[in-house]
PDB file of N, CA and C in Angstrom:
ATOM      1  N   MET A   1     -23.753 -13.439  11.796  1.00  0.00           N
ATOM      2  CA  MET A   1     -22.789 -14.296  12.774  1.00  0.00           C
ATOM      3  C   MET A   1     -21.442 -15.134  12.626  1.00  0.00           C
ATOM      4  N   GLY A   2     -21.473 -15.351  11.432  1.00  0.00           N
ATOM      5  CA  GLY A   2     -19.899 -15.853  10.814  1.00  0.00           C
ATOM      6  C   GLY A   2     -19.215 -15.062  10.676  1.00  0.00           C
ATOM      7  N   LYS A   3     -19.594 -13.914  10.049  1.00  0.00           N
ATOM      8  CA  LYS A   3     -18.884 -13.091   9.934  1.00  0.00           C
ATOM      9  C   LYS A   3     -17.889 -12.328  10.983  1.00  0.00           C
ATOM     10  N   SER A   4     -18.725 -12.190  12.014  1.00  0.00           N
ATOM     11  CA  SER A   4     -18.296 -11.531  13.189  1.00  0.00           C
ATOM     12  C   SER A   4     -17.600 -12.663  14.576  1.00  0.00           C
ATOM     13  N   LEU A   5     -17.808 -13.837  14.169  1.00  0.00           N
ATOM     14  CA  LEU A   5     -16.861 -14.715  14.990  1.00  0.00           C
ATOM     15  C   LEU A   5     -15.411 -14.844  14.222  1.00  0.00           C
ATOM     16  N   LYS A   6     -15.055 -14.797  12.814  1.00  0.00           N
ATOM     17  CA  LYS A   6     -13.777 -14.630  12.203  1.00  0.00           C
ATOM     18  C   LYS A   6     -13.583 -13.246  12.703  1.00  0.00           C
ATOM     19  N   ARG A   7     -14.110 -12.216  12.514  1.00  0.00           N
ATOM     20  CA  ARG A   7     -13.483 -10.747  13.179  1.00  0.00           C
ATOM     21  C   ARG A   7     -13.114 -11.015  14.632  1.00  0.00           C
ATOM     22  N   GLY A   8     -14.183 -11.779  15.304  1.00  0.00           N
ATOM     23  CA  GLY A   8     -13.672 -11.682  16.533  1.00  0.00           C
ATOM     24  C   GLY A   8     -12.058 -12.573  16.771  1.00  0.00           C
ATOM     25  N   ALA A   9     -12.117 -13.815  16.083  1.00  0.00           N
ATOM     26  CA  ALA A   9     -10.851 -14.457  16.017  1.00  0.00           C
ATOM     27  C   ALA A   9      -9.640 -14.035  15.791  1.00  0.00           C
ATOM     28  N   ALA A  10     -10.119 -12.962  14.965  1.00  0.00           N
ATOM     29  CA  ALA A  10      -8.876 -12.020  14.143  1.00  0.00           C
ATOM     30  C   ALA A  10      -8.635 -11.484  15.292  1.00  0.00           C
ATOM     31  N   PHE A  11      -9.461 -10.283  15.688  1.00  0.00           N
ATOM     32  CA  PHE A  11      -9.022  -9.368  16.975  1.00  0.00           C
ATOM     33  C   PHE A  11      -8.628 -10.080  18.114  1.00  0.00           C
ATOM     34  N   THR A  12      -8.684 -11.137  18.454  1.00  0.00           N
ATOM     35  CA  THR A  12      -7.849 -12.264  19.751  1.00  0.00           C
ATOM     36  C   THR A  12      -6.984 -12.473  18.939  1.00  0.00           C
ATOM     37  N   ALA A  13      -6.660 -12.967  18.069  1.00  0.00           N
ATOM     38  CA  ALA A  13      -5.403 -13.266  17.820  1.00  0.00           C
ATOM     39  C   ALA A  13      -4.161 -12.331  17.430  1.00  0.00           C
ATOM     40  N   LEU A  14      -4.818 -11.272  17.253  1.00  0.00           N
ATOM     41  CA  LEU A  14      -3.978  -9.910  17.224  1.00  0.00           C
ATOM     42  C   LEU A  14      -3.830  -9.736  18.570  1.00  0.00           C
ATOM     43  N   ALA A  15      -4.447  -9.550  19.168  1.00  0.00           N
ATOM     44  CA  ALA A  15      -4.014  -9.084  20.756  1.00  0.00           C
ATOM     45  C   ALA A  15      -3.495 -10.188  21.537  1.00  0.00           C
ATOM     46  N   ARG A  16      -3.563 -11.499  21.451  1.00  0.00           N
ATOM     47  CA  ARG A  16      -2.737 -12.617  22.305  1.00  0.00           C
ATOM     48  C   ARG A  16      -1.526 -12.414  21.226  1.00  0.00           C
ATOM     49  N   ALA A  17      -1.318 -12.381  20.480  1.00  0.00           N
ATOM     50  CA  ALA A  17       0.215 -12.077  19.702  1.00  0.00           C
ATOM     51  C   ALA A  17       0.947 -11.133  19.925  1.00  0.00           C
ATOM     52  N   LEU A  18       0.284  -9.935  20.137  1.00  0.00           N
ATOM     53  CA  LEU A  18       0.810  -8.592  20.426  1.00  0.00           C
ATOM     54  C   LEU A  18       1.280  -8.489  21.870  1.00  0.00           C
ATOM     55  N   THR A  19       0.452  -9.105  22.879  1.00  0.00           N
ATOM     56  CA  THR A  19       0.920  -9.274  24.334  1.00  0.00           C
ATOM     57  C   THR A  19       2.099 -10.585  24.471  1.00  0.00           C
ATOM     58  N   ALA A  20       1.928 -11.510  23.655  1.00  0.00           N
ATOM     59  CA  ALA A  20       3.101 -12.426  23.552  1.00  0.00           C
ATOM     60  C   ALA A  20       4.396 -12.032  24.493  1.00  0.00           C
ATOM     61  N   GLY A  21       4.906 -11.575  23.294  1.00  0.00           N
ATOM     62  CA  GLY A  21       6.283 -10.715  23.957  1.00  0.00           C
ATOM     63  C   GLY A  21       6.519 -10.324  25.446  1.00  0.00           C
ATOM     64  N   ALA A  22       5.383  -9.684  26.024  1.00  0.00           N
ATOM     65  CA  ALA A  22       5.441  -9.602  26.827  1.00  0.00           C
ATOM     66  C   ALA A  22       5.535 -10.751  28.206  1.00  0.00           C
ATOM     67  N   ARG A  23       4.947 -11.587  27.612  1.00  0.00           N
ATOM     68  CA  ARG A  23       4.735 -12.714  28.187  1.00  0.00           C
ATOM     69  C   ARG A  23       5.549 -14.179  28.358  1.00  0.00           C
ATOM     70  N   GLY A  24       6.353 -13.607  27.275  1.00  0.00           N
ATOM     71  CA  GLY A  24       7.949 -14.689  27.456  1.00  0.00           C
ATOM     72  C   GLY A  24       7.512 -15.234  25.871  1.00  0.00           C
ATOM     73  N   GLY A  25       6.388 -14.817  25.031  1.00  0.00           N
ATOM     74  CA  GLY A  25       6.381 -15.432  23.851  1.00  0.00           C
ATOM     75  C   GLY A  25       7.976 -14.492  22.711  1.00  0.00           C
ATOM     76  N   PRO A  26       7.585 -15.003  21.508  1.00  0.00           N
ATOM     77  CA  PRO A  26       8.416 -14.376  20.683  1.00  0.00           C
ATOM     78  C   PRO A  26       8.538 -13.131  20.164  1.00  0.00           C
ATOM     79  N   SER A  27       8.924 -12.119  20.135  1.00  0.00           N
ATOM     80  CA  SER A  27       8.981 -10.601  19.935  1.00  0.00           C
ATOM     81  C   SER A  27       8.682 -10.107  18.641  1.00  0.00           C
ATOM     82  N   LEU A  28       8.162  -9.185  18.455  1.00  0.00           N
ATOM     83  CA  LEU A  28       7.829  -8.396  17.028  1.00  0.00           C
ATOM     84  C   LEU A  28       8.802  -8.782  16.087  1.00  0.00           C
ATOM     85  N   GLY A  29       9.967  -7.990  16.807  1.00  0.00           N
ATOM     86  CA  GLY A  29      11.314  -8.414  15.978  1.00  0.00           C
ATOM     87  C   GLY A  29      11.564  -9.820  15.314  1.00  0.00           C
ATOM     88  N   THR A  30      11.249 -10.287  16.460  1.00  0.00           N
ATOM     89  CA  THR A  30      11.964 -12.379  16.053  1.00  0.00           C
ATOM     90  C   THR A  30      10.533 -12.735  14.755  1.00  0.00           C
ATOM     91  N   ARG A  31       9.478 -12.276  15.132  1.00  0.00           N
ATOM     92  CA  ARG A  31       8.113 -13.042  14.273  1.00  0.00           C
ATOM     93  C   ARG A  31       8.419 -12.300  12.783  1.00  0.00           C
ATOM     94  N   LEU A  32       8.648 -10.788  13.113  1.00  0.00           N
ATOM     95  CA  LEU A  32       9.158 -10.062  11.130  1.00  0.00           C
ATOM     96  C   LEU A  32       9.970 -11.189  10.704  1.00  0.00           C
ATOM     97  N   ALA A  33      11.386 -11.153  11.299  1.00  0.00           N
ATOM     98  CA  ALA A  33      12.539 -12.057  10.670  1.00  0.00           C
ATOM     99  C   ALA A  33      12.245 -12.800  10.145  1.00  0.00           C
ATOM    100  N   ALA A  34      11.077 -14.136  10.879  1.00  0.00           N
ATOM    101  CA  ALA A  34      10.974 -15.544  10.696  1.00  0.00           C
ATOM    102  C   ALA A  34       9.998 -14.905   9.241  1.00  0.00           C
ATOM    103  N   LEU A  35       9.873 -14.258   8.832  1.00  0.00           N
ATOM    104  CA  LEU A  35       8.665 -13.945   7.566  1.00  0.00           C
ATOM    105  C   LEU A  35       9.775 -14.594   6.732  1.00  0.00           C
ATOM    106  N   PRO A  36      10.526 -14.167   6.100  1.00  0.00           N
ATOM    107  CA  PRO A  36      11.512 -14.857   5.123  1.00  0.00           C
ATOM    108  C   PRO A  36      11.548 -16.251   4.862  1.00  0.00           C
ATOM    109  N   ARG A  37      11.976 -16.817   6.201  1.00  0.00           N
ATOM    110  CA  ARG A  37      12.284 -18.281   5.976  1.00  0.00           C
ATOM    111  C   ARG A  37      11.082 -18.736   6.216  1.00  0.00           C
ATOM    112  N   MET A  38       9.658 -18.424   6.961  1.00  0.00           N
ATOM    113  CA  MET A  38       8.415 -19.289   6.648  1.00  0.00           C
ATOM    114  C   MET A  38       8.015 -19.649   5.016  1.00  0.00           C
ATOM    115  N   ILE A  39       8.297 -18.110   4.516  1.00  0.00           N
ATOM    116  CA  ILE A  39       7.842 -18.260   3.061  1.00  0.00           C
ATOM    117  C   ILE A  39       8.940 -19.044   2.515  1.00  0.00           C
ATOM    118  N   ARG A  40      10.092 -18.831   2.581  1.00  0.00           N
ATOM    119  CA  ARG A  40      10.944 -20.069   1.892  1.00  0.00           C
ATOM    120  C   ARG A  40      10.484 -21.640   2.266  1.00  0.00           C
ATOM    121  N   ALA A  41      10.393 -22.088   3.599  1.00  0.00           N
ATOM    122  CA  ALA A  41      10.194 -23.336   3.908  1.00  0.00           C
ATOM    123  C   ALA A  41       8.723 -24.109   3.046  1.00  0.00           C
ATOM    124  N   THR A  42       7.982 -23.002   3.002  1.00  0.00           N
ATOM    125  CA  THR A  42       6.583 -23.469   2.350  1.00  0.00           C
ATOM    126  C   THR A  42       6.654 -23.276   0.985  1.00  0.00           C
ATOM    127  N   THR A  43       7.579 -22.733   0.431  1.00  0.00           N
ATOM    128  CA  THR A  43       8.123 -22.869  -0.984  1.00  0.00           C
ATOM    129  C   THR A  43       8.569 -24.151  -1.410  1.00  0.00           C
ATOM    130  N   LYS A  44       9.531 -24.487  -0.287  1.00  0.00           N
ATOM    131  CA  LYS A  44      10.114 -25.618  -0.586  1.00  0.00           C
ATOM    132  C   LYS A  44       9.125 -27.210  -0.241  1.00  0.00           C
ATOM    133  N   GLY A  45       7.989 -26.649   0.407  1.00  0.00           N
ATOM    134  CA  GLY A  45       7.347 -27.858   0.633  1.00  0.00           C
ATOM    135  C   GLY A  45       7.804 -28.415   1.925  1.00  0.00           C
ATOM    136  N   GLU A  46       8.454 -27.840   2.853  1.00  0.00           N
ATOM    137  CA  GLU A  46       8.547 -28.511   4.158  1.00  0.00           C
ATOM    138  C   GLU A  46       7.936 -28.059   5.265  1.00  0.00           C
ATOM    139  N   TYR A  47       7.220 -26.555   5.016  1.00  0.00           N
ATOM    140  CA  TYR A  47       5.870 -26.355   6.141  1.00  0.00           C
ATOM    141  C   TYR A  47       4.839 -25.939   5.631  1.00  0.00           C
ATOM    142  N   ASP A  48       3.660 -26.235   6.333  1.00  0.00           N
ATOM    143  CA  ASP A  48       2.355 -26.420   5.743  1.00  0.00           C
ATOM    144  C   ASP A  48       1.656 -24.930   5.466  1.00  0.00           C
ATOM    145  N   GLY A  49       2.172 -24.374   5.659  1.00  0.00           N
ATOM    146  CA  GLY A  49       1.751 -22.825   5.598  1.00  0.00           C
ATOM    147  C   GLY A  49       1.244 -22.058   4.206  1.00  0.00           C
ATOM    148  N   GLY A  50       1.073 -22.987   3.018  1.00  0.00           N
ATOM    149  CA  GLY A  50       0.639 -22.585   1.764  1.00  0.00           C
ATOM    150  C   GLY A  50      -0.373 -21.669   1.858  1.00  0.00           C
ATOM    151  N   LEU A  51      -1.738 -22.256   2.066  1.00  0.00           N
ATOM    152  CA  LEU A  51      -2.943 -21.674   2.138  1.00  0.00           C
ATOM    153  C   LEU A  51      -3.159 -20.360   3.101  1.00  0.00           C
ATOM    154  N   ARG A  52      -2.375 -20.410   4.315  1.00  0.00           N
ATOM    155  CA  ARG A  52      -2.588 -19.296   5.036  1.00  0.00           C
ATOM    156  C   ARG A  52      -1.779 -18.374   4.215  1.00  0.00           C
ATOM    157  N   LEU A  53      -0.613 -18.452   3.726  1.00  0.00           N
ATOM    158  CA  LEU A  53       0.344 -17.473   2.918  1.00  0.00           C
ATOM    159  C   LEU A  53      -0.058 -16.835   1.800  1.00  0.00           C
ATOM    160  N   ALA A  54      -1.321 -17.879   1.388  1.00  0.00           N
ATOM    161  CA  ALA A  54      -2.141 -17.328   0.003  1.00  0.00           C
ATOM    162  C   ALA A  54      -3.041 -16.332   0.422  1.00  0.00           C
ATOM    163  N   LEU A  55      -3.521 -16.873   1.719  1.00  0.00           N
ATOM    164  CA  LEU A  55      -4.724 -15.888   1.914  1.00  0.00           C
ATOM    165  C   LEU A  55      -4.123 -14.401   2.301  1.00  0.00           C
ATOM    166  N   MET A  56      -3.276 -14.330   3.353  1.00  0.00           N
ATOM    167  CA  MET A  56      -2.205 -13.286   4.019  1.00  0.00           C
ATOM    168  C   MET A  56      -1.508 -12.759   2.274  1.00  0.00           C
ATOM    169  N   THR A  57      -1.462 -13.287   1.101  1.00  0.00           N
ATOM    170  CA  THR A  57      -1.098 -12.458   0.439  1.00  0.00           C
ATOM    171  C   THR A  57      -2.250 -11.845  -0.584  1.00  0.00           C
ATOM    172  N   ALA A  58      -3.285 -12.356  -0.521  1.00  0.00           N
ATOM    173  CA  ALA A  58      -4.536 -11.849  -0.935  1.00  0.00           C
ATOM    174  C   ALA A  58      -4.931 -10.375  -0.138  1.00  0.00           C
ATOM    175  N   ALA A  59      -4.744 -10.796   1.191  1.00  0.00           N
ATOM    176  CA  ALA A  59      -5.104  -9.657   2.194  1.00  0.00           C
ATOM    177  C   ALA A  59      -4.630  -8.769   1.562  1.00  0.00           C
ATOM    178  N   THR A  60      -3.171  -8.641   1.592  1.00  0.00           N
ATOM    179  CA  THR A  60      -2.421  -7.356   1.528  1.00  0.00           C
ATOM    180  C   THR A  60      -2.588  -6.742  -0.042  1.00  0.00           C
ATOM    181  N   ALA A  61      -2.997  -7.731  -0.907  1.00  0.00           N
ATOM    182  CA  ALA A  61      -3.491  -7.068  -2.306  1.00  0.00           C
ATOM    183  C   ALA A  61      -4.721  -6.351  -2.322  1.00  0.00           C
ATOM    184  N   TYR A  62      -5.555  -6.845  -1.251  1.00  0.00           N
ATOM    185  CA  TYR A  62      -6.740  -6.092  -1.362  1.00  0.00           C
ATOM    186  C   TYR A  62      -6.407  -4.447  -0.367  1.00  0.00           C
ATOM    187  N   ILE A  63      -5.464  -4.448   0.740  1.00  0.00           N
ATOM    188  CA  ILE A  63      -5.217  -3.336   1.369  1.00  0.00           C
ATOM    189  C   ILE A  63      -4.413  -2.655   0.204  1.00  0.00           C
ATOM    190  N   VAL A  64      -3.594  -2.707  -0.496  1.00  0.00           N
ATOM    191  CA  VAL A  64      -2.853  -1.857  -1.473  1.00  0.00           C
ATOM    192  C   VAL A  64      -3.721  -1.647  -2.831  1.00  0.00           C
ATOM    193  N   SER A  65      -4.853  -2.420  -2.893  1.00  0.00           N
ATOM    194  CA  SER A  65      -5.224  -2.436  -4.111  1.00  0.00           C
ATOM    195  C   SER A  65      -6.246  -0.551  -4.457  1.00  0.00           C
ATOM    196  N   PRO A  66      -6.217   0.004  -5.588  1.00  0.00           N
ATOM    197  CA  PRO A  66      -6.909   1.113  -5.602  1.00  0.00           C
ATOM    198  C   PRO A  66      -8.733   0.466  -5.677  1.00  0.00           C
ATOM    199  N   ILE A  67      -9.014  -0.581  -6.265  1.00  0.00           N
ATOM    200  CA  ILE A  67     -10.101  -1.007  -5.882  1.00  0.00           C
ATOM    201  C   ILE A  67     -10.585  -1.839  -4.681  1.00  0.00           C
ATOM    202  N   ASP A  68     -11.688  -1.418  -4.581  1.00  0.00           N
ATOM    203  CA  ASP A  68     -12.134  -1.791  -3.103  1.00  0.00           C
ATOM    204  C   ASP A  68     -13.633  -1.891  -3.205  1.00  0.00           C
ATOM    205  N   LEU A  69     -14.069  -3.228  -2.417  1.00  0.00           N
ATOM    206  CA  LEU A  69     -15.467  -3.511  -2.445  1.00  0.00           C
ATOM    207  C   LEU A  69     -16.311  -2.063  -1.678  1.00  0.00           C
ATOM    208  N   LEU A  70     -15.825  -1.616  -0.786  1.00  0.00           N
ATOM    209  CA  LEU A  70     -16.787  -0.777  -0.324  1.00  0.00           C
ATOM    210  C   LEU A  70     -16.047   0.499  -0.435  1.00  0.00           C
ATOM    211  N   PRO A  71     -16.026   1.267  -1.433  1.00  0.00           N
ATOM    212  CA  PRO A  71     -15.694   2.775  -1.368  1.00  0.00           C
ATOM    213  C   PRO A  71     -15.725   3.618  -0.460  1.00  0.00           C
ATOM    214  N   GLU A  72     -14.367   4.004  -0.164  1.00  0.00           N
ATOM    215  CA  GLU A  72     -13.869   5.355   0.766  1.00  0.00           C
ATOM    216  C   GLU A  72     -15.175   6.542   0.586  1.00  0.00           C
ATOM    217  N   ILE A  73     -15.135   6.801  -0.647  1.00  0.00           N
ATOM    218  CA  ILE A  73     -15.730   8.063  -0.771  1.00  0.00           C
ATOM    219  C   ILE A  73     -17.472   8.374  -0.526  1.00  0.00           C
ATOM    220  N   PRO A  74     -18.196   7.312  -1.212  1.00  0.00           N
ATOM    221  CA  PRO A  74     -19.379   7.740  -1.283  1.00  0.00           C
ATOM    222  C   PRO A  74     -19.980   7.030   0.378  1.00  0.00           C
ATOM    223  N   LEU A  75     -19.294   6.084   0.460  1.00  0.00           N
ATOM    224  CA  LEU A  75     -19.672   5.422   1.976  1.00  0.00           C
ATOM    225  C   LEU A  75     -18.983   6.100   3.357  1.00  0.00           C
ATOM    226  N   ALA A  76     -18.232   6.921   2.875  1.00  0.00           N
ATOM    227  CA  ALA A  76     -17.398   7.457   3.942  1.00  0.00           C
ATOM    228  C   ALA A  76     -17.217   6.176   5.011  1.00  0.00           C
ATOM    229  N   LEU A  77     -17.362   6.309   6.586  1.00  0.00           N
ATOM    230  CA  LEU A  77     -16.704   5.404   7.426  1.00  0.00           C
ATOM    231  C   LEU A  77     -17.170   4.193   7.384  1.00  0.00           C
ATOM    232  N   PHE A  78     -17.890   3.803   6.549  1.00  0.00           N
ATOM    233  CA  PHE A  78     -18.052   2.213   6.113  1.00  0.00           C
ATOM    234  C   PHE A  78     -17.321   1.745   4.688  1.00  0.00           C
ATOM    235  N   GLY A  79     -16.448   2.616   4.438  1.00  0.00           N
ATOM    236  CA  GLY A  79     -15.633   2.010   3.294  1.00  0.00           C
ATOM    237  C   GLY A  79     -14.378   2.000   3.882  1.00  0.00           C
ATOM    238  N   LEU A  80     -14.147   2.564   4.799  1.00  0.00           N
ATOM    239  CA  LEU A  80     -13.066   2.432   5.616  1.00  0.00           C
ATOM    240  C   LEU A  80     -12.695   1.515   6.638  1.00  0.00           C
ATOM    241  N   ALA A  81     -13.759   0.990   6.984  1.00  0.00           N
ATOM    242  CA  ALA A  81     -14.532  -0.160   7.857  1.00  0.00           C
ATOM    243  C   ALA A  81     -13.584  -1.407   7.395  1.00  0.00           C
ATOM    244  N   ASP A  82     -13.858  -1.796   6.156  1.00  0.00           N
ATOM    245  CA  ASP A  82     -13.582  -3.011   5.467  1.00  0.00           C
ATOM    246  C   ASP A  82     -11.782  -3.117   5.619  1.00  0.00           C
ATOM    247  N   ASP A  83     -11.516  -1.807   5.394  1.00  0.00           N
ATOM    248  CA  ASP A  83      -9.975  -2.046   5.385  1.00  0.00           C
ATOM    249  C   ASP A  83      -9.259  -2.138   6.715  1.00  0.00           C
ATOM    250  N   ALA A  84     -10.148  -1.693   7.779  1.00  0.00           N
ATOM    251  CA  ALA A  84      -9.382  -1.311   8.916  1.00  0.00           C
ATOM    252  C   ALA A  84      -9.412  -3.275   9.299  1.00  0.00           C
ATOM    253  N   VAL A  85     -11.116  -3.577   9.107  1.00  0.00           N
ATOM    254  CA  VAL A  85     -11.046  -4.941   9.701  1.00  0.00           C
ATOM    255  C   VAL A  85      -9.989  -5.898   8.612  1.00  0.00           C
ATOM    256  N   MET A  86      -9.785  -6.103   7.542  1.00  0.00           N
ATOM    257  CA  MET A  86      -8.571  -6.539   6.372  1.00  0.00           C
ATOM    258  C   MET A  86      -7.051  -6.214   7.372  1.00  0.00           C
ATOM    259  N   VAL A  87      -7.064  -5.355   7.655  1.00  0.00           N
ATOM    260  CA  VAL A  87      -5.653  -4.862   7.892  1.00  0.00           C
ATOM    261  C   VAL A  87      -5.286  -5.627   9.718  1.00  0.00           C
ATOM    262  N   THR A  88      -6.285  -5.543  10.674  1.00  0.00           N
ATOM    263  CA  THR A  88      -6.684  -6.156  11.609  1.00  0.00           C
ATOM    264  C   THR A  88      -6.566  -7.597  11.493  1.00  0.00           C
ATOM    265  N   TRP A  89      -6.993  -8.387  10.659  1.00  0.00           N
ATOM    266  CA  TRP A  89      -7.062  -9.695  10.529  1.00  0.00           C
ATOM    267  C   TRP A  89      -5.504 -10.082   9.719  1.00  0.00           C
ATOM    268  N   LEU A  90      -5.313  -9.063   8.952  1.00  0.00           N
ATOM    269  CA  LEU A  90      -3.662  -9.530   8.415  1.00  0.00           C
ATOM    270  C   LEU A  90      -3.022  -9.444   9.352  1.00  0.00           C
ATOM    271  N   ALA A  91      -2.723  -8.500  10.210  1.00  0.00           N
ATOM    272  CA  ALA A  91      -1.694  -8.319  11.575  1.00  0.00           C
ATOM    273  C   ALA A  91      -1.977  -9.461  12.179  1.00  0.00           C
ATOM    274  N   GLY A  92      -2.807  -9.892  12.688  1.00  0.00           N
ATOM    275  CA  GLY A  92      -3.181 -11.149  13.602  1.00  0.00           C
ATOM    276  C   GLY A  92      -3.082 -12.367  13.111  1.00  0.00           C
ATOM    277  N   SER A  93      -3.257 -12.377  11.895  1.00  0.00           N
ATOM    278  CA  SER A  93      -2.813 -13.659  10.915  1.00  0.00           C
ATOM    279  C   SER A  93      -1.128 -13.781  11.103  1.00  0.00           C
ATOM    280  N   VAL A  94      -0.878 -12.743  10.319  1.00  0.00           N
ATOM    281  CA  VAL A  94       0.737 -12.764  10.210  1.00  0.00           C
ATOM    282  C   VAL A  94       1.560 -13.152  11.760  1.00  0.00           C
ATOM    283  N   LEU A  95       0.930 -12.421  12.670  1.00  0.00           N
ATOM    284  CA  LEU A  95       1.650 -12.685  14.151  1.00  0.00           C
ATOM    285  C   LEU A  95       1.690 -13.866  14.383  1.00  0.00           C
ATOM    286  N   ALA A  96       0.054 -14.513  14.517  1.00  0.00           N
ATOM    287  CA  ALA A  96      -0.090 -16.059  15.153  1.00  0.00           C
ATOM    288  C   ALA A  96       0.627 -17.106  13.829  1.00  0.00           C
ATOM    289  N   GLU A  97       0.784 -16.990  12.668  1.00  0.00           N
ATOM    290  CA  GLU A  97       1.285 -17.818  11.770  1.00  0.00           C
ATOM    291  C   GLU A  97       2.777 -17.578  12.123  1.00  0.00           C
ATOM    292  N   THR A  98       3.499 -16.609  12.168  1.00  0.00           N
ATOM    293  CA  THR A  98       4.941 -16.781  12.507  1.00  0.00           C
ATOM    294  C   THR A  98       5.120 -17.377  14.033  1.00  0.00           C
ATOM    295  N   GLU A  99       3.826 -17.146  14.869  1.00  0.00           N
ATOM    296  CA  GLU A  99       4.529 -17.902  16.495  1.00  0.00           C
ATOM    297  C   GLU A  99       4.481 -19.429  15.824  1.00  0.00           C
ATOM    298  N   ARG A 100       3.252 -19.987  14.744  1.00  0.00           N
ATOM    299  CA  ARG A 100       3.343 -21.235  14.683  1.00  0.00           C
ATOM    300  C   ARG A 100       4.440 -21.418  13.653  1.00  0.00           C
ATOM    301  N   PHE A 101       5.442 -21.047  13.241  1.00  0.00           N
ATOM    302  CA  PHE A 101       6.056 -21.420  12.170  1.00  0.00           C
ATOM    303  C   PHE A 101       7.552 -21.411  13.262  1.00  0.00           C
ATOM    304  N   LEU A 102       7.816 -20.592  14.032  1.00  0.00           N
ATOM    305  CA  LEU A 102       8.728 -20.383  15.017  1.00  0.00           C
ATOM    306  C   LEU A 102       8.831 -21.994  15.982  1.00  0.00           C
ATOM    307  N   GLU A 103       7.244 -22.140  16.451  1.00  0.00           N
ATOM    308  CA  GLU A 103       7.251 -23.382  16.969  1.00  0.00           C
ATOM    309  C   GLU A 103       7.819 -24.761  16.160  1.00  0.00           C
ATOM    310  N   TRP A 104       7.247 -23.941  15.574  1.00  0.00           N
ATOM    311  CA  TRP A 104       7.432 -25.513  14.148  1.00  0.00           C
ATOM    312  C   TRP A 104       9.065 -25.481  13.900  1.00  0.00           C
ATOM    313  N   GLU A 105       9.905 -24.811  13.435  1.00  0.00           N
ATOM    314  CA  GLU A 105      11.408 -24.885  13.759  1.00  0.00           C
ATOM    315  C   GLU A 105      11.756 -25.130  15.001  1.00  0.00           C
ATOM    316  N   ARG A 106      11.478 -24.590  16.261  1.00  0.00           N
ATOM    317  CA  ARG A 106      11.946 -25.082  17.295  1.00  0.00           C
ATOM    318  C   ARG A 106      11.974 -26.957  17.652  1.00  0.00           C
ATOM    319  N   ARG A 107      10.769 -27.488  17.056  1.00  0.00           N
ATOM    320  CA  ARG A 107      10.233 -29.010  17.009  1.00  0.00           C
ATOM    321  C   ARG A 107      11.172 -29.838  16.586  1.00  0.00           C
ATOM    322  N   ARG A 108      11.280 -29.169  15.213  1.00  0.00           N
ATOM    323  CA  ARG A 108      12.151 -29.396  13.842  1.00  0.00           C
ATOM    324  C   ARG A 108      13.655 -29.710  14.335  1.00  0.00           C
ATOM    325  N   ALA A 109      13.992 -29.021  14.820  1.00  0.00           N
ATOM    326  CA  ALA A 109      15.859 -28.596  15.136  1.00  0.00           C
ATOM    327  C   ALA A 109      16.011 -29.541  16.271  1.00  0.00           C
ATOM    328  N   SER A 110      14.882 -30.567  16.834  1.00  0.00           N
ATOM    329  CA  SER A 110      15.357 -31.275  17.804  1.00  0.00           C
ATOM    330  C   SER A 110      14.916 -32.784  17.220  1.00  0.00           C
ATOM    331  N   VAL A 111      14.456 -32.878  15.766  1.00  0.00           N
ATOM    332  CA  VAL A 111      14.139 -33.804  14.978  1.00  0.00           C
ATOM    333  C   VAL A 111      15.514 -34.515  14.582  1.00  0.00           C
ATOM    334  N   ILE A 112      16.235 -35.866  14.778  1.00  0.00           N
ATOM    335  CA  ILE A 112      17.129 -36.380  14.292  1.00  0.00           C
ATOM    336  C   ILE A 112      17.026 -37.108  13.056  1.00  0.00           C
ATOM    337  N   PRO A 113      17.988 -36.583  11.696  1.00  0.00           N
ATOM    338  CA  PRO A 113      17.892 -36.921  10.442  1.00  0.00           C
ATOM    339  C   PRO A 113      17.743 -38.422   9.989  1.00  0.00           C
ATOM    340  N   GLY A 114      16.877 -39.028   9.953  1.00  0.00           N
ATOM    341  CA  GLY A 114      17.719 -40.716   9.300  1.00  0.00           C
ATOM    342  C   GLY A 114      16.009 -41.593   8.975  1.00  0.00           C
ATOM    343  N   HIS A 115      16.133 -42.359   8.986  1.00  0.00           N
ATOM    344  CA  HIS A 115      15.173 -43.735   8.582  1.00  0.00           C
ATOM    345  C   HIS A 115      14.301 -44.205  10.223  1.00  0.00           C
ATOM    346  N   VAL A 116      13.296 -44.321  10.071  1.00  0.00           N
ATOM    347  CA  VAL A 116      12.879 -45.085  10.841  1.00  0.00           C
ATOM    348  C   VAL A 116      12.472 -46.645  10.636  1.00  0.00           C
ATOM    349  N   THR A 117      13.156 -47.358  11.657  1.00  0.00           N
ATOM    350  CA  THR A 117      13.532 -48.967  11.580  1.00  0.00           C
ATOM    351  C   THR A 117      11.993 -49.904  12.420  1.00  0.00           C
ATOM    352  N   PRO A 118      11.750 -50.940  11.790  1.00  0.00           N
ATOM    353  CA  PRO A 118      10.673 -51.235  12.592  1.00  0.00           C
ATOM    354  C   PRO A 118      11.365 -52.076  13.654  1.00  0.00           C
TER     355      PRO A 118
END
């Protein structure tokens, strides 16, 4: 039950992110261009995306790795299903996280640097 909920959430995030450009959200190009800035802000400790970036990196490594939990040859379609789910989750996660990052950048631009005084 838990795995199907996570898959459902990934598919929903992917669909929402892909249609966001049509609804006035950031375009796919804007989201992809934000990736290097998001990685840089995370490594500097300015943005809190460390765990999410680590999970996305692990998913990318799993997809491109020749080692697979469910090998394609003996398991046919079942072997491809885990890769398809991982690609879908990764795409949805990247799109959702870049949208979150772009919103963080917009809010951050409106903050005036300085110290809060009591």
